[in-house]
Protein backbone atom coordinates (compact mmCIF):
# COMPACT_ATOMS: atom_id res chain seq x y z
CA UNK A 1 0.95 -40.71 -44.83
CA UNK A 2 -2.05 -41.15 -42.90
CA UNK A 3 -3.49 -37.60 -43.84
CA UNK A 4 -3.15 -38.42 -47.14
CA UNK A 5 -4.90 -41.79 -46.68
CA UNK A 6 -7.84 -39.66 -45.18
CA UNK A 7 -8.09 -37.17 -47.83
CA UNK A 8 -8.45 -39.65 -50.47
CA UNK A 9 -11.13 -41.68 -48.13
CA UNK A 10 -13.06 -38.66 -47.86
CA UNK A 11 -12.54 -36.67 -51.01
CA UNK A 12 -11.54 -39.27 -53.61
CA UNK A 13 -8.84 -39.84 -56.05
CA UNK A 14 -7.34 -36.48 -57.07
CA UNK A 15 -7.69 -35.11 -60.47
CA UNK A 16 -6.26 -31.90 -59.71
CA UNK A 17 -2.64 -30.70 -60.30
CA UNK A 18 -2.66 -27.84 -57.71
CA UNK A 19 -0.58 -28.36 -54.64
CA UNK A 20 -1.89 -28.02 -51.08
CA UNK A 21 1.30 -26.02 -50.12
CA UNK A 22 0.50 -23.62 -52.79
CA UNK A 23 -3.02 -23.18 -51.10
CA UNK A 24 -1.34 -22.92 -47.64
CA UNK A 25 1.28 -20.22 -48.64
CA UNK A 26 -1.79 -18.15 -50.36
CA UNK A 27 -4.20 -16.80 -47.93
CA UNK A 28 -6.28 -15.12 -50.57
CA UNK A 29 -6.61 -18.68 -52.56
CA UNK A 30 -10.10 -18.94 -54.50
CA UNK A 31 -11.32 -22.32 -55.08
CA UNK A 32 -12.92 -22.91 -58.67
CA UNK A 33 -16.01 -25.06 -58.63
CA UNK A 34 -15.63 -28.16 -60.39
CA UNK A 35 -18.82 -29.23 -62.46
CA UNK A 36 -17.61 -32.70 -62.31
CA UNK A 37 -17.26 -33.02 -58.48
CA UNK A 38 -20.30 -33.69 -56.44
CA UNK A 39 -20.65 -31.33 -53.58
CA UNK A 40 -19.66 -32.78 -50.30
CA UNK A 41 -20.50 -31.65 -46.92
CA UNK A 42 -17.57 -31.55 -44.35
CA UNK A 43 -17.89 -31.05 -40.72
CA UNK A 44 -15.19 -29.00 -38.62
CA UNK A 45 -13.62 -29.75 -35.13
CA UNK A 46 -16.06 -27.45 -33.49
CA UNK A 47 -19.18 -28.43 -35.25
CA UNK A 48 -19.05 -26.14 -38.32
CA UNK A 49 -20.60 -27.21 -41.75
CA UNK A 50 -19.21 -26.52 -45.10
CA UNK A 51 -20.13 -27.71 -48.57
CA UNK A 52 -17.04 -28.43 -50.84
CA UNK A 53 -17.39 -28.08 -54.71
CA UNK A 54 -13.89 -29.44 -56.14
CA UNK A 55 -11.46 -31.97 -54.75
CA UNK A 56 -8.72 -29.50 -54.08
CA UNK A 57 -11.11 -27.67 -51.73
CA UNK A 58 -12.17 -30.85 -50.29
CA UNK A 59 -8.47 -31.98 -49.71
CA UNK A 60 -7.73 -28.56 -48.04
CA UNK A 61 -10.17 -28.85 -45.62
CA UNK A 62 -9.73 -32.39 -44.75
CA UNK A 63 -6.08 -31.39 -44.30
CA UNK A 64 -7.05 -28.77 -41.90
CA UNK A 65 -8.97 -31.39 -39.63
CA UNK A 66 -12.56 -31.48 -41.15
CA UNK A 67 -14.21 -34.70 -41.46
CA UNK A 68 -17.04 -36.03 -43.41
CA UNK A 69 -18.97 -37.10 -40.19
CA UNK A 70 -20.21 -35.32 -37.60
CA UNK A 71 -18.64 -36.37 -34.19
CA UNK A 72 -21.42 -36.03 -31.61
CA UNK A 73 -20.38 -35.47 -27.92
CA UNK A 74 -22.21 -37.10 -25.04
CA UNK A 75 -23.88 -34.92 -22.50
CA UNK A 76 -22.78 -36.87 -19.41
CA UNK A 77 -24.61 -34.01 -17.18
CA UNK A 78 -28.20 -35.04 -18.69
CA UNK A 79 -27.59 -38.69 -17.84
CA UNK A 80 -26.34 -38.16 -14.31
CA UNK A 81 -29.48 -35.58 -13.74
CA UNK A 82 -31.78 -38.11 -14.89
CA UNK A 83 -30.24 -41.08 -12.88
CA UNK A 84 -30.53 -38.73 -9.91
CA UNK A 85 -33.95 -37.93 -10.75
CA UNK A 86 -34.94 -41.36 -10.91
CA UNK A 87 -32.92 -42.75 -7.76
CA UNK A 88 -35.05 -39.72 -5.87
CA UNK A 89 -38.11 -40.62 -6.86
CA UNK A 90 -37.73 -44.26 -6.53
CA UNK A 91 -36.57 -43.37 -3.11
CA UNK A 92 -39.70 -41.34 -2.10
CA UNK A 93 -41.94 -44.25 -3.53
CA UNK A 94 -40.38 -47.13 -1.49
CA UNK A 95 -40.42 -44.87 1.47
CA UNK A 96 -44.32 -44.37 0.95
CA UNK A 97 -45.04 -47.95 0.31
CA UNK A 98 -43.10 -48.78 3.43
CA UNK A 99 -45.14 -46.43 5.64
CA UNK A 100 -48.66 -47.81 4.56
């Protein structure tokens, strides 16, 4: 039930009678553009980006794990590097001031 909530939250309410099971069983399914559906940008689990042009296309991708917000990863190595660099510079400055 949570996945249906996600689909409705991201894609809106369905006005298409096509079933998601029909699409999953047909690897050659072609999505038709819906002129009444506003193009929506979805982001994949590995940072991929796709524009969807119909509710059923949107629902299919959201059902596959795509979302409407890009999840940014944190680069902890960069923060660790700058903390270490700052500590090293501070250490040498303190030692230089003590030597005076």
